[in-house]
Amino acid sequence: MSKPFLAATVLAGICACSNAGAFAQDKASPPAAVVLRSPDDTFEDRRLAQMHQEIDSVKRQVIAANLTLTDSEATKFWPVYDQYSAEFTKITEKKNALIKEYAEEYGSMTDEEADSLVRRWLDADIAAFELRRKYLPIFRKVLGARTTATFFQVEHQVDAMIDLRLTSQLPLIQSQDQSPNVQ
């Protein structure tokens, strides 16, 4: 079994369950940041935060397993990756808030609320694209063109799997009522 396939399988397994066990960090990558929670967090918020920590840990492992880095490159790459990941987490948190909002409004969502929700989801997707574009030259300076391309390829594949797994679990907006919406 190839490393990318094995790593993707492991990641998919974590995405499939929200209380997966922690995985060991690759020696080449520093430990992921700990997410602090406020006392107002609900059980679901804490569970979602734990799931994202586990996904981030495996994502780091997938990246480490698929990038061939010299010691010098690794020393430069992982701090830049941590900064990138922290900024990407902010976008993920916005998507999480949208999913939570969707769950709370499901069954009573108006056309205006549905329109607002999809626009804000698209804004989050645009923010993710813009963040990748911002970091392209930064990673390029640290890794070179081919390794940077490999990083973005692997990172995009992992994020696509996460998005697919997450969004495939959401009921369709139109299914909240049995009558088609005619305007």
C-alpha atoms as a PDB file:
ATOM      1  CA  MET A   1       0.000   0.000   0.000  1.00  0.00           C
ATOM      2  CA  SER A   2       1.455   3.401  -0.957  1.00  0.00           C
ATOM      3  CA  LYS A   3       2.141   6.056   1.685  1.00  0.00           C
ATOM      4  CA  PRO A   4      -0.362   8.556   0.248  1.00  0.00           C
ATOM      5  CA  PHE A   5      -3.114   5.924   0.075  1.00  0.00           C
ATOM      6  CA  LEU A   6      -2.400   4.676   3.585  1.00  0.00           C
ATOM      7  CA  ALA A   7      -2.336   8.199   4.978  1.00  0.00           C
ATOM      8  CA  ALA A   8      -5.559   9.072   3.154  1.00  0.00           C
ATOM      9  CA  THR A   9      -7.204   5.968   4.557  1.00  0.00           C
ATOM     10  CA  VAL A  10      -6.132   6.890   8.089  1.00  0.00           C
ATOM     11  CA  LEU A  11      -7.387  10.449   7.613  1.00  0.00           C
ATOM     12  CA  ALA A  12     -10.711   9.236   6.261  1.00  0.00           C
ATOM     13  CA  GLY A  13     -11.063   7.018   9.313  1.00  0.00           C
ATOM     14  CA  ILE A  14     -10.584   9.982  11.611  1.00  0.00           C
ATOM     15  CA  CYS A  15     -13.082  12.015   9.654  1.00  0.00           C
ATOM     16  CA  ALA A  16     -15.567   9.155   9.959  1.00  0.00           C
ATOM     17  CA  CYS A  17     -15.605   9.250  13.730  1.00  0.00           C
ATOM     18  CA  SER A  18     -15.531  12.218  16.022  1.00  0.00           C
ATOM     19  CA  ASN A  19     -13.750  10.589  18.946  1.00  0.00           C
ATOM     20  CA  ALA A  20     -10.758   8.901  17.336  1.00  0.00           C
ATOM     21  CA  GLY A  21      -7.635   8.322  19.418  1.00  0.00           C
ATOM     22  CA  ALA A  22      -4.635  10.604  19.169  1.00  0.00           C
ATOM     23  CA  PHE A  23      -1.838   9.693  16.793  1.00  0.00           C
ATOM     24  CA  ALA A  24       1.875  10.056  17.394  1.00  0.00           C
ATOM     25  CA  GLN A  25       3.583  13.016  15.756  1.00  0.00           C
ATOM     26  CA  ASP A  26       6.201  12.504  13.076  1.00  0.00           C
ATOM     27  CA  LYS A  27       9.626  13.396  14.486  1.00  0.00           C
ATOM     28  CA  ALA A  28      10.207  15.830  11.623  1.00  0.00           C
ATOM     29  CA  SER A  29       7.165  17.913  12.518  1.00  0.00           C
ATOM     30  CA  PRO A  30       6.686  19.853  15.723  1.00  0.00           C
ATOM     31  CA  PRO A  31       3.596  19.170  17.855  1.00  0.00           C
ATOM     32  CA  ALA A  32       0.336  20.771  16.784  1.00  0.00           C
ATOM     33  CA  ALA A  33      -0.902  23.729  18.798  1.00  0.00           C
ATOM     34  CA  VAL A  34      -3.349  23.084  21.606  1.00  0.00           C
ATOM     35  CA  VAL A  35      -6.762  24.686  21.190  1.00  0.00           C
ATOM     36  CA  LEU A  36      -7.938  26.529  24.284  1.00  0.00           C
ATOM     37  CA  ARG A  37     -11.642  26.467  25.046  1.00  0.00           C
ATOM     38  CA  SER A  38     -13.787  28.911  26.892  1.00  0.00           C
ATOM     39  CA  PRO A  39     -16.171  27.833  29.684  1.00  0.00           C
ATOM     40  CA  ASP A  40     -19.082  28.676  27.361  1.00  0.00           C
ATOM     41  CA  ASP A  41     -18.186  25.913  24.891  1.00  0.00           C
ATOM     42  CA  THR A  42     -20.835  23.237  24.543  1.00  0.00           C
ATOM     43  CA  PHE A  43     -20.067  19.534  24.506  1.00  0.00           C
ATOM     44  CA  GLU A  44     -20.505  19.559  20.718  1.00  0.00           C
ATOM     45  CA  ASP A  45     -18.061  22.460  20.394  1.00  0.00           C
ATOM     46  CA  ARG A  46     -15.467  20.602  22.458  1.00  0.00           C
ATOM     47  CA  ARG A  47     -16.051  17.413  20.475  1.00  0.00           C
ATOM     48  CA  LEU A  48     -15.662  19.288  17.193  1.00  0.00           C
ATOM     49  CA  ALA A  49     -12.492  20.986  18.463  1.00  0.00           C
ATOM     50  CA  GLN A  50     -11.079  17.604  19.505  1.00  0.00           C
ATOM     51  CA  MET A  51     -11.916  16.132  16.100  1.00  0.00           C
ATOM     52  CA  HIS A  52     -10.175  19.017  14.351  1.00  0.00           C
ATOM     53  CA  GLN A  53      -7.095  18.622  16.547  1.00  0.00           C
ATOM     54  CA  GLU A  54      -6.961  14.956  15.579  1.00  0.00           C
ATOM     55  CA  ILE A  55      -7.448  15.779  11.908  1.00  0.00           C
ATOM     56  CA  ASP A  56      -4.715  18.444  12.094  1.00  0.00           C
ATOM     57  CA  SER A  57      -2.364  15.909  13.672  1.00  0.00           C
ATOM     58  CA  VAL A  58      -2.973  13.357  10.933  1.00  0.00           C
ATOM     59  CA  LYS A  59      -2.780  16.071   8.278  1.00  0.00           C
ATOM     60  CA  ARG A  60       0.701  16.934   9.545  1.00  0.00           C
ATOM     61  CA  GLN A  61       1.647  13.268   9.371  1.00  0.00           C
ATOM     62  CA  VAL A  62       0.363  12.982   5.793  1.00  0.00           C
ATOM     63  CA  ILE A  63       2.338  16.059   4.776  1.00  0.00           C
ATOM     64  CA  ALA A  64       5.477  14.818   6.552  1.00  0.00           C
ATOM     65  CA  ALA A  65       5.116  11.383   4.931  1.00  0.00           C
ATOM     66  CA  ASN A  66       4.769  12.834   1.438  1.00  0.00           C
ATOM     67  CA  LEU A  67       7.332  15.646   1.482  1.00  0.00           C
ATOM     68  CA  THR A  68      10.970  14.732   1.206  1.00  0.00           C
ATOM     69  CA  LEU A  69      12.644  17.464   3.223  1.00  0.00           C
ATOM     70  CA  THR A  70      16.257  17.966   4.178  1.00  0.00           C
ATOM     71  CA  ASP A  71      16.901  18.851   7.812  1.00  0.00           C
ATOM     72  CA  SER A  72      17.446  22.452   6.738  1.00  0.00           C
ATOM     73  CA  GLU A  73      14.180  22.542   4.774  1.00  0.00           C
ATOM     74  CA  ALA A  74      12.253  20.935   7.642  1.00  0.00           C
ATOM     75  CA  THR A  75      13.647  23.505  10.078  1.00  0.00           C
ATOM     76  CA  LYS A  76      12.360  26.306   7.835  1.00  0.00           C
ATOM     77  CA  PHE A  77       9.161  24.619   6.614  1.00  0.00           C
ATOM     78  CA  TRP A  78       7.403  23.611   9.845  1.00  0.00           C
ATOM     79  CA  PRO A  79       7.294  27.117  11.407  1.00  0.00           C
ATOM     80  CA  VAL A  80       5.874  28.507   8.147  1.00  0.00           C
ATOM     81  CA  TYR A  81       3.410  25.614   8.016  1.00  0.00           C
ATOM     82  CA  ASP A  82       2.357  26.325  11.620  1.00  0.00           C
ATOM     83  CA  GLN A  83       1.664  29.960  10.726  1.00  0.00           C
ATOM     84  CA  TYR A  84      -0.241  28.902   7.588  1.00  0.00           C
ATOM     85  CA  SER A  85      -2.176  26.282   9.550  1.00  0.00           C
ATOM     86  CA  ALA A  86      -3.128  28.806  12.242  1.00  0.00           C
ATOM     87  CA  GLU A  87      -4.524  31.150   9.600  1.00  0.00           C
ATOM     88  CA  PHE A  88      -6.293  28.254   7.872  1.00  0.00           C
ATOM     89  CA  THR A  89      -7.837  27.243  11.201  1.00  0.00           C
ATOM     90  CA  LYS A  90      -9.584  30.614  11.374  1.00  0.00           C
ATOM     91  CA  ILE A  91     -11.265  29.838   8.053  1.00  0.00           C
ATOM     92  CA  THR A  92     -12.171  26.352   9.275  1.00  0.00           C
ATOM     93  CA  GLU A  93     -13.707  27.874  12.402  1.00  0.00           C
ATOM     94  CA  LYS A  94     -15.906  30.095  10.216  1.00  0.00           C
ATOM     95  CA  LYS A  95     -17.077  27.022   8.306  1.00  0.00           C
ATOM     96  CA  ASN A  96     -17.721  25.213  11.593  1.00  0.00           C
ATOM     97  CA  ALA A  97     -19.840  28.148  12.759  1.00  0.00           C
ATOM     98  CA  LEU A  98     -21.804  28.001   9.502  1.00  0.00           C
ATOM     99  CA  ILE A  99     -22.412  24.280   9.965  1.00  0.00           C
ATOM    100  CA  LYS A 100     -23.567  24.874  13.537  1.00  0.00           C
ATOM    101  CA  GLU A 101     -25.861  27.664  12.354  1.00  0.00           C
ATOM    102  CA  TYR A 102     -27.215  25.400   9.622  1.00  0.00           C
ATOM    103  CA  ALA A 103     -27.946  22.660  12.158  1.00  0.00           C
ATOM    104  CA  GLU A 104     -29.736  25.119  14.440  1.00  0.00           C
ATOM    105  CA  GLU A 105     -31.851  26.573  11.618  1.00  0.00           C
ATOM    106  CA  TYR A 106     -32.520  23.321   9.769  1.00  0.00           C
ATOM    107  CA  GLY A 107     -36.231  22.783   9.302  1.00  0.00           C
ATOM    108  CA  SER A 108     -37.097  26.468   9.545  1.00  0.00           C
ATOM    109  CA  MET A 109     -34.597  28.067   7.171  1.00  0.00           C
ATOM    110  CA  THR A 110     -35.984  30.894   5.065  1.00  0.00           C
ATOM    111  CA  ASP A 111     -34.843  31.697   1.542  1.00  0.00           C
ATOM    112  CA  GLU A 112     -32.925  34.699   2.884  1.00  0.00           C
ATOM    113  CA  GLU A 113     -31.151  32.573   5.493  1.00  0.00           C
ATOM    114  CA  ALA A 114     -30.281  29.940   2.884  1.00  0.00           C
ATOM    115  CA  ASP A 115     -28.922  32.629   0.562  1.00  0.00           C
ATOM    116  CA  SER A 116     -26.845  34.165   3.363  1.00  0.00           C
ATOM    117  CA  LEU A 117     -25.509  30.766   4.394  1.00  0.00           C
ATOM    118  CA  VAL A 118     -24.332  29.789   0.918  1.00  0.00           C
ATOM    119  CA  ARG A 119     -22.769  33.207   0.310  1.00  0.00           C
ATOM    120  CA  ARG A 120     -20.815  33.024   3.565  1.00  0.00           C
ATOM    121  CA  TRP A 121     -19.718  29.447   2.742  1.00  0.00           C
ATOM    122  CA  LEU A 122     -18.447  30.648  -0.641  1.00  0.00           C
ATOM    123  CA  ASP A 123     -16.681  33.551   1.095  1.00  0.00           C
ATOM    124  CA  ALA A 124     -14.886  31.015   3.321  1.00  0.00           C
ATOM    125  CA  ASP A 125     -13.856  29.015   0.237  1.00  0.00           C
ATOM    126  CA  ILE A 126     -12.528  32.201  -1.370  1.00  0.00           C
ATOM    127  CA  ALA A 127     -10.619  33.030   1.827  1.00  0.00           C
ATOM    128  CA  ALA A 128      -9.004  29.563   1.729  1.00  0.00           C
ATOM    129  CA  PHE A 129      -7.996  30.084  -1.908  1.00  0.00           C
ATOM    130  CA  GLU A 130      -6.568  33.526  -1.129  1.00  0.00           C
ATOM    131  CA  LEU A 131      -4.620  32.142   1.832  1.00  0.00           C
ATOM    132  CA  ARG A 132      -3.073  29.443  -0.365  1.00  0.00           C
ATOM    133  CA  ARG A 133      -2.174  32.084  -2.943  1.00  0.00           C
ATOM    134  CA  LYS A 134      -0.621  34.277  -0.224  1.00  0.00           C
ATOM    135  CA  TYR A 135       1.540  31.416   1.067  1.00  0.00           C
ATOM    136  CA  LEU A 136       2.636  30.067  -2.327  1.00  0.00           C
ATOM    137  CA  PRO A 137       5.687  32.375  -2.636  1.00  0.00           C
ATOM    138  CA  ILE A 138       6.475  31.953   1.064  1.00  0.00           C
ATOM    139  CA  PHE A 139       6.601  28.155   0.811  1.00  0.00           C
ATOM    140  CA  ARG A 140       8.420  28.469  -2.534  1.00  0.00           C
ATOM    141  CA  LYS A 141      11.256  30.375  -0.847  1.00  0.00           C
ATOM    142  CA  VAL A 142      11.599  27.670   1.797  1.00  0.00           C
ATOM    143  CA  LEU A 143      11.074  24.533  -0.298  1.00  0.00           C
ATOM    144  CA  GLY A 144      11.634  25.206  -3.964  1.00  0.00           C
ATOM    145  CA  ALA A 145       9.065  24.848  -6.714  1.00  0.00           C
ATOM    146  CA  ARG A 146       8.615  21.065  -6.923  1.00  0.00           C
ATOM    147  CA  THR A 147       8.392  20.465  -3.199  1.00  0.00           C
ATOM    148  CA  THR A 148       6.028  23.426  -2.798  1.00  0.00           C
ATOM    149  CA  ALA A 149       3.848  22.021  -5.570  1.00  0.00           C
ATOM    150  CA  THR A 150       3.882  18.647  -3.824  1.00  0.00           C
ATOM    151  CA  PHE A 151       2.921  20.279  -0.525  1.00  0.00           C
ATOM    152  CA  PHE A 152      -0.042  22.094  -2.053  1.00  0.00           C
ATOM    153  CA  GLN A 153      -1.086  18.962  -3.931  1.00  0.00           C
ATOM    154  CA  VAL A 154      -1.113  16.853  -0.755  1.00  0.00           C
ATOM    155  CA  GLU A 155      -2.661  19.612   1.346  1.00  0.00           C
ATOM    156  CA  HIS A 156      -5.425  20.154  -1.203  1.00  0.00           C
ATOM    157  CA  GLN A 157      -6.190  16.421  -1.420  1.00  0.00           C
ATOM    158  CA  VAL A 158      -6.459  16.146   2.363  1.00  0.00           C
ATOM    159  CA  ASP A 159      -8.670  19.227   2.624  1.00  0.00           C
ATOM    160  CA  ALA A 160     -10.901  17.957  -0.201  1.00  0.00           C
ATOM    161  CA  MET A 161     -11.380  14.645   1.636  1.00  0.00           C
ATOM    162  CA  ILE A 162     -12.224  16.450   4.865  1.00  0.00           C
ATOM    163  CA  ASP A 163     -14.693  18.769   3.127  1.00  0.00           C
ATOM    164  CA  LEU A 164     -16.318  15.870   1.285  1.00  0.00           C
ATOM    165  CA  ARG A 165     -16.693  13.810   4.441  1.00  0.00           C
ATOM    166  CA  LEU A 166     -18.044  16.733   6.416  1.00  0.00           C
ATOM    167  CA  THR A 167     -20.465  18.123   3.852  1.00  0.00           C
ATOM    168  CA  SER A 168     -21.734  14.726   2.737  1.00  0.00           C
ATOM    169  CA  GLN A 169     -23.154  14.270   6.253  1.00  0.00           C
ATOM    170  CA  LEU A 170     -25.304  17.406   6.046  1.00  0.00           C
ATOM    171  CA  PRO A 171     -28.904  17.054   4.900  1.00  0.00           C
ATOM    172  CA  LEU A 172     -29.770  19.069   1.820  1.00  0.00           C
ATOM    173  CA  ILE A 173     -31.403  22.420   2.515  1.00  0.00           C
ATOM    174  CA  GLN A 174     -34.288  21.679   0.194  1.00  0.00           C
ATOM    175  CA  SER A 175     -35.109  18.478   2.090  1.00  0.00           C
ATOM    176  CA  GLN A 176     -36.121  20.504   5.159  1.00  0.00           C
ATOM    177  CA  ASP A 177     -39.575  20.683   3.636  1.00  0.00           C
ATOM    178  CA  GLN A 178     -41.139  18.347   1.164  1.00  0.00           C
ATOM    179  CA  SER A 179     -42.476  21.044  -1.162  1.00  0.00           C
ATOM    180  CA  PRO A 180     -40.159  22.487  -3.818  1.00  0.00           C
ATOM    181  CA  ASN A 181     -39.327  26.151  -3.356  1.00  0.00           C
ATOM    182  CA  VAL A 182     -40.921  28.122  -6.194  1.00  0.00           C
ATOM    183  CA  GLN A 183     -40.065  31.770  -6.697  1.00  0.00           C
END
